[in-house]
Amino acid sequence: MPVAIKGIAELTQKLKSLQGEIREEAEQNLVKWGAQLFAREAKKRVPTKTGTLKKSIRVMKDRPGLVLKKKQWSIGQGIIRYIVSPTRGGKNADGFYAHLVEFGTSAHEIKPKRKKAMKYGDEFSAKLFHPGFHQKPFMRPAFDENADAAITAMGRRLNKWLERKAKA
């Protein structure tokens, strides 16, 4: 019979009541489901011009030795950990600039590599001045504002998953 899960204490209690492989699989699934929820929320909040950054946000399973970069958010702990991150290149869209959007940039000078001139519009220059831009956070608010909803949603999914396991 499903238990109404309203908070982290109830979710933890439900997990403690499970045994062995079912418990490990449930923990793994819960972390993945939470990461997927946060990725969906981040996609709703990301500022879009071309949609490239929005397409690049994905959930990936953590690998041993993987070091988090400042544009990646980790969910879970220890071995069971997923990362929500904009990706670079490959099949997914190129989200290499996600941290610049999330945290903003200060005014700075841009110099070309190897002492070449850069073209900006119709003009060539040895250096350019970039005025910077304000931050437009989308990942952090997705985490901060949806933690309670994520726990409730994870609890519902856990109940449905356990019901399917019991029938199998």
C-alpha atoms as a PDB file:
ATOM      1  CA  MET A   1       0.000   0.000   0.000  1.00  0.00           C
ATOM      2  CA  PRO A   2       1.440   3.433  -0.972  1.00  0.00           C
ATOM      3  CA  VAL A   3       2.491   5.827   1.769  1.00  0.00           C
ATOM      4  CA  ALA A   4       1.874   9.560   1.353  1.00  0.00           C
ATOM      5  CA  ILE A   5       5.358  11.074   1.251  1.00  0.00           C
ATOM      6  CA  LYS A   6       5.381  14.770   2.123  1.00  0.00           C
ATOM      7  CA  GLY A   7       8.990  15.454   3.081  1.00  0.00           C
ATOM      8  CA  ILE A   8      12.503  14.184   3.301  1.00  0.00           C
ATOM      9  CA  ALA A   9      11.890  12.407   6.627  1.00  0.00           C
ATOM     10  CA  GLU A  10       9.069  10.308   5.149  1.00  0.00           C
ATOM     11  CA  LEU A  11      11.118   9.569   2.043  1.00  0.00           C
ATOM     12  CA  THR A  12      14.099   8.488   4.148  1.00  0.00           C
ATOM     13  CA  GLN A  13      11.864   6.300   6.322  1.00  0.00           C
ATOM     14  CA  LYS A  14      10.378   4.644   3.234  1.00  0.00           C
ATOM     15  CA  LEU A  15      13.873   3.893   1.888  1.00  0.00           C
ATOM     16  CA  LYS A  16      15.008   2.444   5.230  1.00  0.00           C
ATOM     17  CA  SER A  17      12.094   0.010   5.129  1.00  0.00           C
ATOM     18  CA  LEU A  18      13.348  -1.495   1.850  1.00  0.00           C
ATOM     19  CA  GLN A  19      15.836  -4.362   1.718  1.00  0.00           C
ATOM     20  CA  GLY A  20      18.949  -5.274  -0.324  1.00  0.00           C
ATOM     21  CA  GLU A  21      18.974  -4.818  -4.099  1.00  0.00           C
ATOM     22  CA  ILE A  22      15.533  -3.189  -4.147  1.00  0.00           C
ATOM     23  CA  ARG A  23      16.804  -0.489  -1.803  1.00  0.00           C
ATOM     24  CA  GLU A  24      19.932   0.163  -3.895  1.00  0.00           C
ATOM     25  CA  GLU A  25      17.888   0.337  -7.086  1.00  0.00           C
ATOM     26  CA  ALA A  26      15.334   2.641  -5.419  1.00  0.00           C
ATOM     27  CA  GLU A  27      18.075   4.994  -4.186  1.00  0.00           C
ATOM     28  CA  GLN A  28      19.661   5.092  -7.640  1.00  0.00           C
ATOM     29  CA  ASN A  29      16.294   5.817  -9.274  1.00  0.00           C
ATOM     30  CA  LEU A  30      15.367   8.517  -6.749  1.00  0.00           C
ATOM     31  CA  VAL A  31      18.546  10.466  -7.397  1.00  0.00           C
ATOM     32  CA  LYS A  32      18.073  10.125 -11.169  1.00  0.00           C
ATOM     33  CA  TRP A  33      14.427  11.248 -10.957  1.00  0.00           C
ATOM     34  CA  GLY A  34      15.405  14.261  -8.856  1.00  0.00           C
ATOM     35  CA  ALA A  35      18.117  15.231 -11.332  1.00  0.00           C
ATOM     36  CA  GLN A  36      15.671  14.917 -14.235  1.00  0.00           C
ATOM     37  CA  LEU A  37      13.169  17.161 -12.458  1.00  0.00           C
ATOM     38  CA  PHE A  38      15.827  19.815 -11.855  1.00  0.00           C
ATOM     39  CA  ALA A  39      16.980  19.615 -15.484  1.00  0.00           C
ATOM     40  CA  ARG A  40      13.381  20.200 -16.670  1.00  0.00           C
ATOM     41  CA  GLU A  41      13.073  23.207 -14.355  1.00  0.00           C
ATOM     42  CA  ALA A  42      16.401  24.642 -15.540  1.00  0.00           C
ATOM     43  CA  LYS A  43      15.260  24.278 -19.166  1.00  0.00           C
ATOM     44  CA  LYS A  44      12.113  26.268 -18.336  1.00  0.00           C
ATOM     45  CA  ARG A  45      14.180  29.073 -16.802  1.00  0.00           C
ATOM     46  CA  VAL A  46      17.130  29.362 -19.193  1.00  0.00           C
ATOM     47  CA  PRO A  47      17.195  32.595 -21.226  1.00  0.00           C
ATOM     48  CA  THR A  48      16.826  31.670 -24.882  1.00  0.00           C
ATOM     49  CA  LYS A  49      17.991  33.459 -27.980  1.00  0.00           C
ATOM     50  CA  THR A  50      18.688  30.508 -30.222  1.00  0.00           C
ATOM     51  CA  GLY A  51      17.716  27.622 -27.905  1.00  0.00           C
ATOM     52  CA  THR A  52      21.215  26.145 -27.993  1.00  0.00           C
ATOM     53  CA  LEU A  53      21.786  26.440 -24.258  1.00  0.00           C
ATOM     54  CA  LYS A  54      18.355  25.007 -23.478  1.00  0.00           C
ATOM     55  CA  LYS A  55      19.000  21.977 -25.696  1.00  0.00           C
ATOM     56  CA  SER A  56      22.372  21.399 -24.056  1.00  0.00           C
ATOM     57  CA  ILE A  57      21.075  20.885 -20.489  1.00  0.00           C
ATOM     58  CA  ARG A  58      21.138  17.192 -19.645  1.00  0.00           C
ATOM     59  CA  VAL A  59      21.463  14.710 -16.821  1.00  0.00           C
ATOM     60  CA  MET A  60      24.472  12.416 -16.723  1.00  0.00           C
ATOM     61  CA  LYS A  61      25.538   9.763 -14.265  1.00  0.00           C
ATOM     62  CA  ASP A  62      28.626  10.645 -12.297  1.00  0.00           C
ATOM     63  CA  ARG A  63      31.771   8.643 -13.004  1.00  0.00           C
ATOM     64  CA  PRO A  64      34.547   7.975 -10.479  1.00  0.00           C
ATOM     65  CA  GLY A  65      37.178  10.683 -10.639  1.00  0.00           C
ATOM     66  CA  LEU A  66      34.901  13.178 -12.406  1.00  0.00           C
ATOM     67  CA  VAL A  67      35.628  16.685 -11.135  1.00  0.00           C
ATOM     68  CA  LEU A  68      32.714  19.099 -11.044  1.00  0.00           C
ATOM     69  CA  LYS A  69      33.204  22.284 -13.001  1.00  0.00           C
ATOM     70  CA  LYS A  70      31.543  25.529 -11.996  1.00  0.00           C
ATOM     71  CA  LYS A  71      28.738  25.049 -14.526  1.00  0.00           C
ATOM     72  CA  GLN A  72      27.732  21.618 -13.185  1.00  0.00           C
ATOM     73  CA  TRP A  73      25.414  20.823 -10.312  1.00  0.00           C
ATOM     74  CA  SER A  74      25.651  17.534  -8.470  1.00  0.00           C
ATOM     75  CA  ILE A  75      22.679  15.700  -6.978  1.00  0.00           C
ATOM     76  CA  GLY A  76      23.156  12.859  -4.539  1.00  0.00           C
ATOM     77  CA  GLN A  77      26.232  11.787  -2.671  1.00  0.00           C
ATOM     78  CA  GLY A  78      28.877   9.099  -2.631  1.00  0.00           C
ATOM     79  CA  ILE A  79      28.519   6.543  -5.412  1.00  0.00           C
ATOM     80  CA  ILE A  80      24.943   7.493  -6.249  1.00  0.00           C
ATOM     81  CA  ARG A  81      25.343  10.871  -7.891  1.00  0.00           C
ATOM     82  CA  TYR A  82      24.000  12.502 -11.023  1.00  0.00           C
ATOM     83  CA  ILE A  83      25.117  15.745 -12.604  1.00  0.00           C
ATOM     84  CA  VAL A  84      22.854  18.287 -14.276  1.00  0.00           C
ATOM     85  CA  SER A  85      24.954  20.220 -16.721  1.00  0.00           C
ATOM     86  CA  PRO A  86      24.939  22.034 -20.042  1.00  0.00           C
ATOM     87  CA  THR A  87      27.096  19.939 -22.362  1.00  0.00           C
ATOM     88  CA  ARG A  88      29.694  20.829 -24.944  1.00  0.00           C
ATOM     89  CA  GLY A  89      29.577  19.727 -28.554  1.00  0.00           C
ATOM     90  CA  GLY A  90      28.866  16.198 -29.700  1.00  0.00           C
ATOM     91  CA  LYS A  91      25.309  15.170 -30.440  1.00  0.00           C
ATOM     92  CA  ASN A  92      23.973  17.687 -27.931  1.00  0.00           C
ATOM     93  CA  ALA A  93      23.956  21.426 -28.401  1.00  0.00           C
ATOM     94  CA  ASP A  94      27.076  23.312 -27.414  1.00  0.00           C
ATOM     95  CA  GLY A  95      26.450  24.869 -23.988  1.00  0.00           C
ATOM     96  CA  PHE A  96      30.030  25.889 -23.227  1.00  0.00           C
ATOM     97  CA  TYR A  97      28.933  29.404 -22.210  1.00  0.00           C
ATOM     98  CA  ALA A  98      26.355  28.357 -19.578  1.00  0.00           C
ATOM     99  CA  HIS A  99      28.440  29.601 -16.654  1.00  0.00           C
ATOM    100  CA  LEU A 100      28.760  33.013 -18.295  1.00  0.00           C
ATOM    101  CA  VAL A 101      24.976  33.327 -18.469  1.00  0.00           C
ATOM    102  CA  GLU A 102      24.455  31.923 -14.962  1.00  0.00           C
ATOM    103  CA  PHE A 103      27.086  34.057 -13.197  1.00  0.00           C
ATOM    104  CA  GLY A 104      27.531  36.986 -15.618  1.00  0.00           C
ATOM    105  CA  THR A 105      30.831  38.595 -16.609  1.00  0.00           C
ATOM    106  CA  SER A 106      32.605  41.775 -15.673  1.00  0.00           C
ATOM    107  CA  ALA A 107      33.936  44.262 -18.188  1.00  0.00           C
ATOM    108  CA  HIS A 108      37.104  42.960 -19.798  1.00  0.00           C
ATOM    109  CA  GLU A 109      39.498  43.332 -22.695  1.00  0.00           C
ATOM    110  CA  ILE A 110      39.657  40.678 -25.399  1.00  0.00           C
ATOM    111  CA  LYS A 111      43.016  40.150 -27.099  1.00  0.00           C
ATOM    112  CA  PRO A 112      43.533  37.822 -30.056  1.00  0.00           C
ATOM    113  CA  LYS A 113      45.780  34.798 -29.796  1.00  0.00           C
ATOM    114  CA  ARG A 114      49.218  34.904 -31.431  1.00  0.00           C
ATOM    115  CA  LYS A 115      49.192  38.696 -31.938  1.00  0.00           C
ATOM    116  CA  LYS A 116      46.651  38.628 -34.779  1.00  0.00           C
ATOM    117  CA  ALA A 117      44.049  41.272 -35.433  1.00  0.00           C
ATOM    118  CA  MET A 118      40.381  40.552 -34.728  1.00  0.00           C
ATOM    119  CA  LYS A 119      37.504  41.556 -36.933  1.00  0.00           C
ATOM    120  CA  TYR A 120      34.465  43.114 -35.317  1.00  0.00           C
ATOM    121  CA  GLY A 121      31.861  44.189 -37.839  1.00  0.00           C
ATOM    122  CA  ASP A 122      33.785  45.924 -40.621  1.00  0.00           C
ATOM    123  CA  GLU A 123      36.747  46.939 -38.484  1.00  0.00           C
ATOM    124  CA  PHE A 124      39.962  45.155 -37.490  1.00  0.00           C
ATOM    125  CA  SER A 125      41.456  45.689 -34.070  1.00  0.00           C
ATOM    126  CA  ALA A 126      44.366  44.453 -31.959  1.00  0.00           C
ATOM    127  CA  LYS A 127      42.051  44.281 -28.939  1.00  0.00           C
ATOM    128  CA  LEU A 128      38.396  44.741 -28.081  1.00  0.00           C
ATOM    129  CA  PHE A 129      36.678  45.984 -24.967  1.00  0.00           C
ATOM    130  CA  HIS A 130      33.735  43.876 -23.802  1.00  0.00           C
ATOM    131  CA  PRO A 131      31.377  45.688 -21.416  1.00  0.00           C
ATOM    132  CA  GLY A 132      30.354  42.432 -19.709  1.00  0.00           C
ATOM    133  CA  PHE A 133      26.785  41.496 -18.872  1.00  0.00           C
ATOM    134  CA  HIS A 134      24.601  40.825 -15.856  1.00  0.00           C
ATOM    135  CA  GLN A 135      23.999  37.351 -14.549  1.00  0.00           C
ATOM    136  CA  LYS A 136      20.806  35.549 -15.522  1.00  0.00           C
ATOM    137  CA  PRO A 137      20.724  32.566 -13.159  1.00  0.00           C
ATOM    138  CA  PHE A 138      18.680  29.603 -14.311  1.00  0.00           C
ATOM    139  CA  MET A 139      20.314  26.537 -12.725  1.00  0.00           C
ATOM    140  CA  ARG A 140      20.573  27.711  -9.102  1.00  0.00           C
ATOM    141  CA  PRO A 141      16.941  28.939  -8.928  1.00  0.00           C
ATOM    142  CA  ALA A 142      15.785  25.646 -10.459  1.00  0.00           C
ATOM    143  CA  PHE A 143      17.411  23.848  -7.511  1.00  0.00           C
ATOM    144  CA  ASP A 144      16.536  26.306  -4.764  1.00  0.00           C
ATOM    145  CA  GLU A 145      12.871  26.840  -5.627  1.00  0.00           C
ATOM    146  CA  ASN A 146      11.943  23.236  -6.396  1.00  0.00           C
ATOM    147  CA  ALA A 147      13.472  21.179  -3.604  1.00  0.00           C
ATOM    148  CA  ASP A 148      10.176  20.506  -1.793  1.00  0.00           C
ATOM    149  CA  ALA A 149       8.322  19.751  -5.029  1.00  0.00           C
ATOM    150  CA  ALA A 150      11.141  17.408  -6.047  1.00  0.00           C
ATOM    151  CA  ILE A 151      10.874  15.413  -2.818  1.00  0.00           C
ATOM    152  CA  THR A 152       7.106  15.064  -3.224  1.00  0.00           C
ATOM    153  CA  ALA A 153       7.445  14.054  -6.887  1.00  0.00           C
ATOM    154  CA  MET A 154      10.213  11.581  -6.053  1.00  0.00           C
ATOM    155  CA  GLY A 155       8.022  10.060  -3.352  1.00  0.00           C
ATOM    156  CA  ARG A 156       5.130   9.588  -5.790  1.00  0.00           C
ATOM    157  CA  ARG A 157       7.421   8.004  -8.364  1.00  0.00           C
ATOM    158  CA  LEU A 158       8.932   5.745  -5.720  1.00  0.00           C
ATOM    159  CA  ASN A 159       5.456   4.508  -4.740  1.00  0.00           C
ATOM    160  CA  LYS A 160       4.532   3.779  -8.369  1.00  0.00           C
ATOM    161  CA  TRP A 161       7.878   2.072  -8.957  1.00  0.00           C
ATOM    162  CA  LEU A 162       7.464  -0.104  -5.851  1.00  0.00           C
ATOM    163  CA  GLU A 163       3.920  -1.070  -6.930  1.00  0.00           C
ATOM    164  CA  ARG A 164       5.248  -2.197 -10.331  1.00  0.00           C
ATOM    165  CA  LYS A 165       8.053  -4.146  -8.637  1.00  0.00           C
ATOM    166  CA  ALA A 166       5.547  -5.881  -6.343  1.00  0.00           C
ATOM    167  CA  LYS A 167       3.400  -6.936  -9.323  1.00  0.00           C
ATOM    168  CA  ALA A 168       6.397  -8.313 -11.253  1.00  0.00           C
END
